[in-house]
C-alpha atoms as a PDB file:
ATOM      1  CA  UNK A   1     -23.417  -5.187  -4.643  1.00  0.00           C
ATOM      2  CA  UNK A   2     -20.191  -6.588  -4.319  1.00  0.00           C
ATOM      3  CA  UNK A   3     -19.660  -7.857  -0.850  1.00  0.00           C
ATOM      4  CA  UNK A   4     -16.389  -5.259   0.046  1.00  0.00           C
ATOM      5  CA  UNK A   5     -15.649  -7.241   3.233  1.00  0.00           C
ATOM      6  CA  UNK A   6     -13.725  -6.680   6.226  1.00  0.00           C
ATOM      7  CA  UNK A   7     -10.881  -3.613   5.703  1.00  0.00           C
ATOM      8  CA  UNK A   8      -7.596  -4.908   7.189  1.00  0.00           C
ATOM      9  CA  UNK A   9      -4.786  -3.140   8.355  1.00  0.00           C
ATOM     10  CA  UNK A  10      -1.242  -3.748   7.532  1.00  0.00           C
ATOM     11  CA  UNK A  11       1.098  -4.074  10.366  1.00  0.00           C
ATOM     12  CA  UNK A  12       4.916  -4.462  11.271  1.00  0.00           C
ATOM     13  CA  UNK A  13       5.179  -7.233  13.261  1.00  0.00           C
ATOM     14  CA  UNK A  14       8.305  -7.323  14.787  1.00  0.00           C
ATOM     15  CA  UNK A  15      10.709 -10.414  16.259  1.00  0.00           C
ATOM     16  CA  UNK A  16      13.587 -11.116  18.510  1.00  0.00           C
ATOM     17  CA  UNK A  17      14.801 -13.918  16.393  1.00  0.00           C
ATOM     18  CA  UNK A  18      13.896 -14.573  12.313  1.00  0.00           C
ATOM     19  CA  UNK A  19      12.985 -17.865  14.513  1.00  0.00           C
ATOM     20  CA  UNK A  20      10.470 -16.462  16.718  1.00  0.00           C
ATOM     21  CA  UNK A  21       6.769 -17.278  16.327  1.00  0.00           C
ATOM     22  CA  UNK A  22       5.285 -14.833  18.517  1.00  0.00           C
ATOM     23  CA  UNK A  23       6.183 -11.106  17.571  1.00  0.00           C
ATOM     24  CA  UNK A  24       7.691  -9.171  20.581  1.00  0.00           C
ATOM     25  CA  UNK A  25       5.833  -6.181  18.687  1.00  0.00           C
ATOM     26  CA  UNK A  26       3.490  -5.141  16.541  1.00  0.00           C
ATOM     27  CA  UNK A  27       3.010  -1.486  14.693  1.00  0.00           C
ATOM     28  CA  UNK A  28      -0.593  -1.176  12.955  1.00  0.00           C
ATOM     29  CA  UNK A  29      -0.863   1.000  10.023  1.00  0.00           C
ATOM     30  CA  UNK A  30      -3.445   3.609  10.698  1.00  0.00           C
ATOM     31  CA  UNK A  31      -3.674   4.277   6.593  1.00  0.00           C
ATOM     32  CA  UNK A  32      -2.950   1.151   4.256  1.00  0.00           C
ATOM     33  CA  UNK A  33      -0.109   2.277   1.294  1.00  0.00           C
ATOM     34  CA  UNK A  34      -2.011   2.617  -1.432  1.00  0.00           C
ATOM     35  CA  UNK A  35       1.730   1.231  -3.219  1.00  0.00           C
ATOM     36  CA  UNK A  36       4.809  -0.214  -2.433  1.00  0.00           C
ATOM     37  CA  UNK A  37       7.799  -1.350  -3.868  1.00  0.00           C
ATOM     38  CA  UNK A  38      10.151  -4.251  -4.682  1.00  0.00           C
ATOM     39  CA  UNK A  39      13.408  -4.029  -5.824  1.00  0.00           C
ATOM     40  CA  UNK A  40      15.690  -6.895  -7.075  1.00  0.00           C
ATOM     41  CA  UNK A  41      19.291  -6.390  -8.056  1.00  0.00           C
ATOM     42  CA  UNK A  42      21.589  -9.382 -10.131  1.00  0.00           C
ATOM     43  CA  UNK A  43      25.419  -8.792  -9.192  1.00  0.00           C
ATOM     44  CA  UNK A  44      27.794  -9.000 -11.942  1.00  0.00           C
ATOM     45  CA  UNK A  45      31.876  -9.903 -12.312  1.00  0.00           C
ATOM     46  CA  UNK A  46      32.709  -7.395 -15.368  1.00  0.00           C
ATOM     47  CA  UNK A  47      36.425  -7.589 -15.060  1.00  0.00           C
ATOM     48  CA  UNK A  48      38.337  -7.442 -18.275  1.00  0.00           C
ATOM     49  CA  UNK A  49      39.973 -10.955 -19.082  1.00  0.00           C
ATOM     50  CA  UNK A  50      43.320 -11.006 -19.612  1.00  0.00           C
ATOM     51  CA  UNK A  51      44.408 -10.154 -23.118  1.00  0.00           C
ATOM     52  CA  UNK A  52      41.130  -9.277 -24.495  1.00  0.00           C
ATOM     53  CA  UNK A  53      40.147  -5.710 -25.354  1.00  0.00           C
ATOM     54  CA  UNK A  54      35.916  -6.373 -23.910  1.00  0.00           C
ATOM     55  CA  UNK A  55      34.863  -7.568 -20.750  1.00  0.00           C
ATOM     56  CA  UNK A  56      32.901 -10.306 -19.544  1.00  0.00           C
ATOM     57  CA  UNK A  57      29.341  -9.849 -17.690  1.00  0.00           C
ATOM     58  CA  UNK A  58      29.892 -13.145 -15.774  1.00  0.00           C
ATOM     59  CA  UNK A  59      26.961 -14.029 -12.712  1.00  0.00           C
ATOM     60  CA  UNK A  60      27.988 -13.137  -9.130  1.00  0.00           C
ATOM     61  CA  UNK A  61      25.295 -13.822  -7.467  1.00  0.00           C
ATOM     62  CA  UNK A  62      21.583 -12.222  -6.126  1.00  0.00           C
ATOM     63  CA  UNK A  63      21.849  -9.952  -2.985  1.00  0.00           C
ATOM     64  CA  UNK A  64      18.447  -9.841  -1.054  1.00  0.00           C
ATOM     65  CA  UNK A  65      15.365  -8.411  -2.822  1.00  0.00           C
ATOM     66  CA  UNK A  66      14.336  -4.474  -0.784  1.00  0.00           C
ATOM     67  CA  UNK A  67      10.715  -3.400  -0.149  1.00  0.00           C
ATOM     68  CA  UNK A  68       9.609   0.187  -0.028  1.00  0.00           C
ATOM     69  CA  UNK A  69       6.426   1.478   1.375  1.00  0.00           C
ATOM     70  CA  UNK A  70       5.321   4.872   2.959  1.00  0.00           C
ATOM     71  CA  UNK A  71       3.341   5.029   6.101  1.00  0.00           C
ATOM     72  CA  UNK A  72       1.180   8.330   6.801  1.00  0.00           C
ATOM     73  CA  UNK A  73       0.319   9.220  10.116  1.00  0.00           C
ATOM     74  CA  UNK A  74      -1.788  11.676  10.613  1.00  0.00           C
ATOM     75  CA  UNK A  75      -2.720  13.363  13.829  1.00  0.00           C
ATOM     76  CA  UNK A  76      -5.296  16.081  12.436  1.00  0.00           C
ATOM     77  CA  UNK A  77      -8.842  13.949  12.913  1.00  0.00           C
ATOM     78  CA  UNK A  78      -9.125  13.685   9.648  1.00  0.00           C
ATOM     79  CA  UNK A  79      -9.055  10.431   8.745  1.00  0.00           C
ATOM     80  CA  UNK A  80     -11.076   7.664  10.275  1.00  0.00           C
ATOM     81  CA  UNK A  81     -11.041   4.211   9.987  1.00  0.00           C
ATOM     82  CA  UNK A  82     -12.449   2.005   7.018  1.00  0.00           C
ATOM     83  CA  UNK A  83     -14.858  -0.742   7.969  1.00  0.00           C
ATOM     84  CA  UNK A  84     -17.029  -2.741   6.051  1.00  0.00           C
ATOM     85  CA  UNK A  85     -19.979  -0.859   6.093  1.00  0.00           C
ATOM     86  CA  UNK A  86     -18.263   2.799   5.545  1.00  0.00           C
ATOM     87  CA  UNK A  87     -15.495   2.874   3.458  1.00  0.00           C
ATOM     88  CA  UNK A  88     -14.612   6.125   3.006  1.00  0.00           C
ATOM     89  CA  UNK A  89     -11.241   7.357   4.661  1.00  0.00           C
ATOM     90  CA  UNK A  90     -12.453  11.133   5.447  1.00  0.00           C
ATOM     91  CA  UNK A  91     -14.449  12.550   8.030  1.00  0.00           C
ATOM     92  CA  UNK A  92     -14.108  13.418  11.977  1.00  0.00           C
ATOM     93  CA  UNK A  93     -12.658  10.807  14.483  1.00  0.00           C
ATOM     94  CA  UNK A  94     -10.550  11.264  17.479  1.00  0.00           C
ATOM     95  CA  UNK A  95      -7.138  12.430  16.199  1.00  0.00           C
ATOM     96  CA  UNK A  96      -3.972  10.537  16.990  1.00  0.00           C
ATOM     97  CA  UNK A  97      -0.950  11.403  18.900  1.00  0.00           C
ATOM     98  CA  UNK A  98       1.630  11.758  15.875  1.00  0.00           C
ATOM     99  CA  UNK A  99       4.937  11.827  18.084  1.00  0.00           C
ATOM    100  CA  UNK A 100       3.556   9.147  20.121  1.00  0.00           C
ATOM    101  CA  UNK A 101       3.066   7.072  17.277  1.00  0.00           C
ATOM    102  CA  UNK A 102       6.329   7.715  15.225  1.00  0.00           C
ATOM    103  CA  UNK A 103       7.798   6.384  19.055  1.00  0.00           C
ATOM    104  CA  UNK A 104       5.640   2.946  17.983  1.00  0.00           C
ATOM    105  CA  UNK A 105       7.239   3.147  14.754  1.00  0.00           C
ATOM    106  CA  UNK A 106      10.731   3.284  15.654  1.00  0.00           C
ATOM    107  CA  UNK A 107      10.717   1.140  19.097  1.00  0.00           C
ATOM    108  CA  UNK A 108       9.605  -1.660  16.561  1.00  0.00           C
ATOM    109  CA  UNK A 109      11.899  -0.540  14.232  1.00  0.00           C
ATOM    110  CA  UNK A 110      15.541   1.047  14.445  1.00  0.00           C
ATOM    111  CA  UNK A 111      15.668   0.639  18.526  1.00  0.00           C
ATOM    112  CA  UNK A 112      17.875  -2.131  19.918  1.00  0.00           C
ATOM    113  CA  UNK A 113      16.444  -4.908  22.404  1.00  0.00           C
ATOM    114  CA  UNK A 114      17.269  -7.752  24.053  1.00  0.00           C
ATOM    115  CA  UNK A 115      20.741  -9.874  24.198  1.00  0.00           C
ATOM    116  CA  UNK A 116      20.885  -9.560  20.154  1.00  0.00           C
ATOM    117  CA  UNK A 117      22.260  -6.028  20.892  1.00  0.00           C
ATOM    118  CA  UNK A 118      20.082  -5.039  17.631  1.00  0.00           C
ATOM    119  CA  UNK A 119      17.206  -3.747  16.071  1.00  0.00           C
ATOM    120  CA  UNK A 120      13.653  -6.513  15.008  1.00  0.00           C
ATOM    121  CA  UNK A 121      13.520  -8.599  12.607  1.00  0.00           C
ATOM    122  CA  UNK A 122      10.368  -7.796  10.505  1.00  0.00           C
ATOM    123  CA  UNK A 123       7.627  -9.317   9.204  1.00  0.00           C
ATOM    124  CA  UNK A 124       4.953  -7.009   6.658  1.00  0.00           C
ATOM    125  CA  UNK A 125       1.565  -8.409   7.566  1.00  0.00           C
ATOM    126  CA  UNK A 126      -1.825  -8.047   5.758  1.00  0.00           C
ATOM    127  CA  UNK A 127      -4.591  -9.553   7.157  1.00  0.00           C
ATOM    128  CA  UNK A 128      -4.058 -13.392   7.008  1.00  0.00           C
ATOM    129  CA  UNK A 129      -1.281 -12.910   4.309  1.00  0.00           C
ATOM    130  CA  UNK A 130       2.701 -12.309   4.961  1.00  0.00           C
ATOM    131  CA  UNK A 131       3.398 -10.579   2.678  1.00  0.00           C
ATOM    132  CA  UNK A 132       7.404 -10.012   3.195  1.00  0.00           C
ATOM    133  CA  UNK A 133      10.282 -10.449   6.064  1.00  0.00           C
ATOM    134  CA  UNK A 134      13.280  -8.800   6.552  1.00  0.00           C
ATOM    135  CA  UNK A 135      15.135  -6.178   8.363  1.00  0.00           C
ATOM    136  CA  UNK A 136      14.946  -2.507   8.308  1.00  0.00           C
ATOM    137  CA  UNK A 137      17.230  -0.973   6.050  1.00  0.00           C
ATOM    138  CA  UNK A 138      16.211   2.979   6.349  1.00  0.00           C
ATOM    139  CA  UNK A 139      13.531   5.088   8.384  1.00  0.00           C
ATOM    140  CA  UNK A 140      12.700   8.524   6.682  1.00  0.00           C
ATOM    141  CA  UNK A 141      10.287  10.568   8.887  1.00  0.00           C
ATOM    142  CA  UNK A 142       9.147  13.862   7.151  1.00  0.00           C
ATOM    143  CA  UNK A 143       6.412  16.033   9.729  1.00  0.00           C
ATOM    144  CA  UNK A 144       4.403  18.291   7.385  1.00  0.00           C
ATOM    145  CA  UNK A 145       1.745  20.113   9.696  1.00  0.00           C
ATOM    146  CA  UNK A 146       2.235  21.549  12.909  1.00  0.00           C
ATOM    147  CA  UNK A 147       0.359  23.201  15.875  1.00  0.00           C
ATOM    148  CA  UNK A 148       1.585  26.832  16.379  1.00  0.00           C
ATOM    149  CA  UNK A 149       3.847  25.863  19.422  1.00  0.00           C
ATOM    150  CA  UNK A 150       5.847  23.233  17.129  1.00  0.00           C
ATOM    151  CA  UNK A 151       3.560  19.855  17.581  1.00  0.00           C
ATOM    152  CA  UNK A 152       3.318  17.955  14.477  1.00  0.00           C
ATOM    153  CA  UNK A 153       0.276  16.672  13.313  1.00  0.00           C
ATOM    154  CA  UNK A 154       1.104  14.612  10.123  1.00  0.00           C
ATOM    155  CA  UNK A 155       4.270  12.891   9.255  1.00  0.00           C
ATOM    156  CA  UNK A 156       5.291  10.168   6.602  1.00  0.00           C
ATOM    157  CA  UNK A 157       7.622   7.630   7.244  1.00  0.00           C
ATOM    158  CA  UNK A 158       9.634   6.204   4.222  1.00  0.00           C
ATOM    159  CA  UNK A 159      10.268   2.739   5.492  1.00  0.00           C
ATOM    160  CA  UNK A 160      12.957   0.176   3.641  1.00  0.00           C
ATOM    161  CA  UNK A 161      13.388  -3.634   4.432  1.00  0.00           C
ATOM    162  CA  UNK A 162      15.765  -5.913   2.942  1.00  0.00           C
ATOM    163  CA  UNK A 163      14.597  -9.473   2.994  1.00  0.00           C
ATOM    164  CA  UNK A 164      15.969 -11.945   5.164  1.00  0.00           C
ATOM    165  CA  UNK A 165      16.405 -15.562   3.859  1.00  0.00           C
ATOM    166  CA  UNK A 166      17.919 -18.162   5.529  1.00  0.00           C
ATOM    167  CA  UNK A 167      20.965 -19.668   4.045  1.00  0.00           C
ATOM    168  CA  UNK A 168      19.051 -22.955   3.685  1.00  0.00           C
ATOM    169  CA  UNK A 169      16.033 -20.937   1.845  1.00  0.00           C
ATOM    170  CA  UNK A 170      18.689 -19.311  -0.470  1.00  0.00           C
ATOM    171  CA  UNK A 171      20.446 -22.666  -1.401  1.00  0.00           C
ATOM    172  CA  UNK A 172      16.762 -23.712  -2.152  1.00  0.00           C
ATOM    173  CA  UNK A 173      15.581 -20.712  -4.191  1.00  0.00           C
ATOM    174  CA  UNK A 174      18.627 -20.110  -6.160  1.00  0.00           C
ATOM    175  CA  UNK A 175      20.057 -23.949  -6.409  1.00  0.00           C
ATOM    176  CA  UNK A 176      23.431 -22.588  -6.161  1.00  0.00           C
ATOM    177  CA  UNK A 177      26.387 -24.810  -5.252  1.00  0.00           C
ATOM    178  CA  UNK A 178      29.057 -24.229  -7.804  1.00  0.00           C
ATOM    179  CA  UNK A 179      31.953 -22.939  -6.309  1.00  0.00           C
ATOM    180  CA  UNK A 180      32.898 -20.897  -9.090  1.00  0.00           C
ATOM    181  CA  UNK A 181      30.563 -18.326  -7.944  1.00  0.00           C
ATOM    182  CA  UNK A 182      30.945 -15.852  -4.805  1.00  0.00           C
ATOM    183  CA  UNK A 183      28.286 -16.975  -2.090  1.00  0.00           C
ATOM    184  CA  UNK A 184      27.693 -15.207   1.006  1.00  0.00           C
ATOM    185  CA  UNK A 185      26.968 -16.534   4.467  1.00  0.00           C
ATOM    186  CA  UNK A 186      26.198 -15.476   7.742  1.00  0.00           C
ATOM    187  CA  UNK A 187      28.403 -17.144  10.948  1.00  0.00           C
ATOM    188  CA  UNK A 188      25.782 -18.753  13.033  1.00  0.00           C
ATOM    189  CA  UNK A 189      26.659 -20.529  16.654  1.00  0.00           C
ATOM    190  CA  UNK A 190      29.153 -23.396  16.029  1.00  0.00           C
ATOM    191  CA  UNK A 191      30.342 -22.407  12.883  1.00  0.00           C
ATOM    192  CA  UNK A 192      33.990 -22.803  11.566  1.00  0.00           C
ATOM    193  CA  UNK A 193      35.078 -20.854   8.769  1.00  0.00           C
ATOM    194  CA  UNK A 194      37.036 -24.220   7.859  1.00  0.00           C
ATOM    195  CA  UNK A 195      33.668 -26.318   7.779  1.00  0.00           C
ATOM    196  CA  UNK A 196      31.430 -23.178   5.880  1.00  0.00           C
ATOM    197  CA  UNK A 197      34.132 -23.429   3.385  1.00  0.00           C
ATOM    198  CA  UNK A 198      33.719 -27.179   2.590  1.00  0.00           C
ATOM    199  CA  UNK A 199      29.800 -26.743   2.120  1.00  0.00           C
ATOM    200  CA  UNK A 200      30.653 -24.741  -0.739  1.00  0.00           C
ATOM    201  CA  UNK A 201      34.073 -25.770  -2.239  1.00  0.00           C
ATOM    202  CA  UNK A 202      33.860 -29.281  -0.874  1.00  0.00           C
ATOM    203  CA  UNK A 203      37.545 -29.271   0.477  1.00  0.00           C
ATOM    204  CA  UNK A 204      38.461 -27.313   3.837  1.00  0.00           C
ATOM    205  CA  UNK A 205      41.846 -25.912   2.368  1.00  0.00           C
ATOM    206  CA  UNK A 206      40.724 -22.729   1.733  1.00  0.00           C
ATOM    207  CA  UNK A 207      39.639 -21.155   4.644  1.00  0.00           C
ATOM    208  CA  UNK A 208      42.761 -18.850   5.080  1.00  0.00           C
ATOM    209  CA  UNK A 209      41.875 -17.872   1.840  1.00  0.00           C
ATOM    210  CA  UNK A 210      38.445 -16.893   2.707  1.00  0.00           C
ATOM    211  CA  UNK A 211      39.824 -14.800   5.529  1.00  0.00           C
ATOM    212  CA  UNK A 212      41.956 -12.764   3.556  1.00  0.00           C
ATOM    213  CA  UNK A 213      39.241 -12.542   0.967  1.00  0.00           C
ATOM    214  CA  UNK A 214      37.344 -10.408   4.055  1.00  0.00           C
ATOM    215  CA  UNK A 215      39.678  -9.017   6.034  1.00  0.00           C
ATOM    216  CA  UNK A 216      39.580 -11.098   8.970  1.00  0.00           C
ATOM    217  CA  UNK A 217      41.889 -10.430  11.355  1.00  0.00           C
ATOM    218  CA  UNK A 218      41.336 -14.290  12.823  1.00  0.00           C
ATOM    219  CA  UNK A 219      40.311 -17.448  11.488  1.00  0.00           C
ATOM    220  CA  UNK A 220      39.271 -19.026  14.593  1.00  0.00           C
ATOM    221  CA  UNK A 221      37.167 -16.799  16.027  1.00  0.00           C
ATOM    222  CA  UNK A 222      34.714 -14.829  13.821  1.00  0.00           C
ATOM    223  CA  UNK A 223      31.959 -13.091  15.456  1.00  0.00           C
ATOM    224  CA  UNK A 224      28.495 -14.605  15.258  1.00  0.00           C
ATOM    225  CA  UNK A 225      25.917 -12.908  12.624  1.00  0.00           C
ATOM    226  CA  UNK A 226      29.420 -11.500  10.369  1.00  0.00           C
ATOM    227  CA  UNK A 227      28.494 -11.572   6.902  1.00  0.00           C
ATOM    228  CA  UNK A 228      31.154 -13.738   5.216  1.00  0.00           C
ATOM    229  CA  UNK A 229      31.887 -13.774   1.693  1.00  0.00           C
ATOM    230  CA  UNK A 230      33.264 -16.553  -0.442  1.00  0.00           C
ATOM    231  CA  UNK A 231      34.791 -15.868  -3.778  1.00  0.00           C
ATOM    232  CA  UNK A 232      34.830 -17.706  -6.951  1.00  0.00           C
ATOM    233  CA  UNK A 233      37.671 -20.306  -7.084  1.00  0.00           C
ATOM    234  CA  UNK A 234      40.051 -19.564  -9.846  1.00  0.00           C
END
């Protein structure tokens, strides 16, 4: 007989900051998803070159990848926990309060928290495996079954996350340091536009061009968390 082991529940672990080690909130799935989708995109500049009839697809960069999955929230009582001895999901159990489960899910994903005044950074964990880390792009809730008074008995949550990657990780993974491609950076504490430009162009002279390319009102005061594109040198 093949040992089945313990049925681990997938979790959304929510953090105030990507550097935090302990989650501020945890949402545990009632039923593990049967599928999840990871999406990758490559950006190209296909502007027509002067004096030429065709276009040249020039690599510009790779934005963070997206991760999509669905969460089933069932309050009918027909779904029960799987265990090491019983892996069936159909049976009678104490039904959950769908509205309360949705509230907990929203608290971990879309609600604003803390001094950052933003929603949590998220990590998807399954047992001891960390599958994905990122920020919420969208949460779509579909309610399907209802009591006579309109109370929902089942909801399906479609979740889309976008990977969060630090500047250091992004540089290590892509190994793209050339000033002739577009770079994207997020402003951190004590960052200055001239210094950020120097790390990419090896020259502090381009901060005005960067400010103009990003439609900044001032190059001196750029809010922490602002995403800045550093265009290729021409």
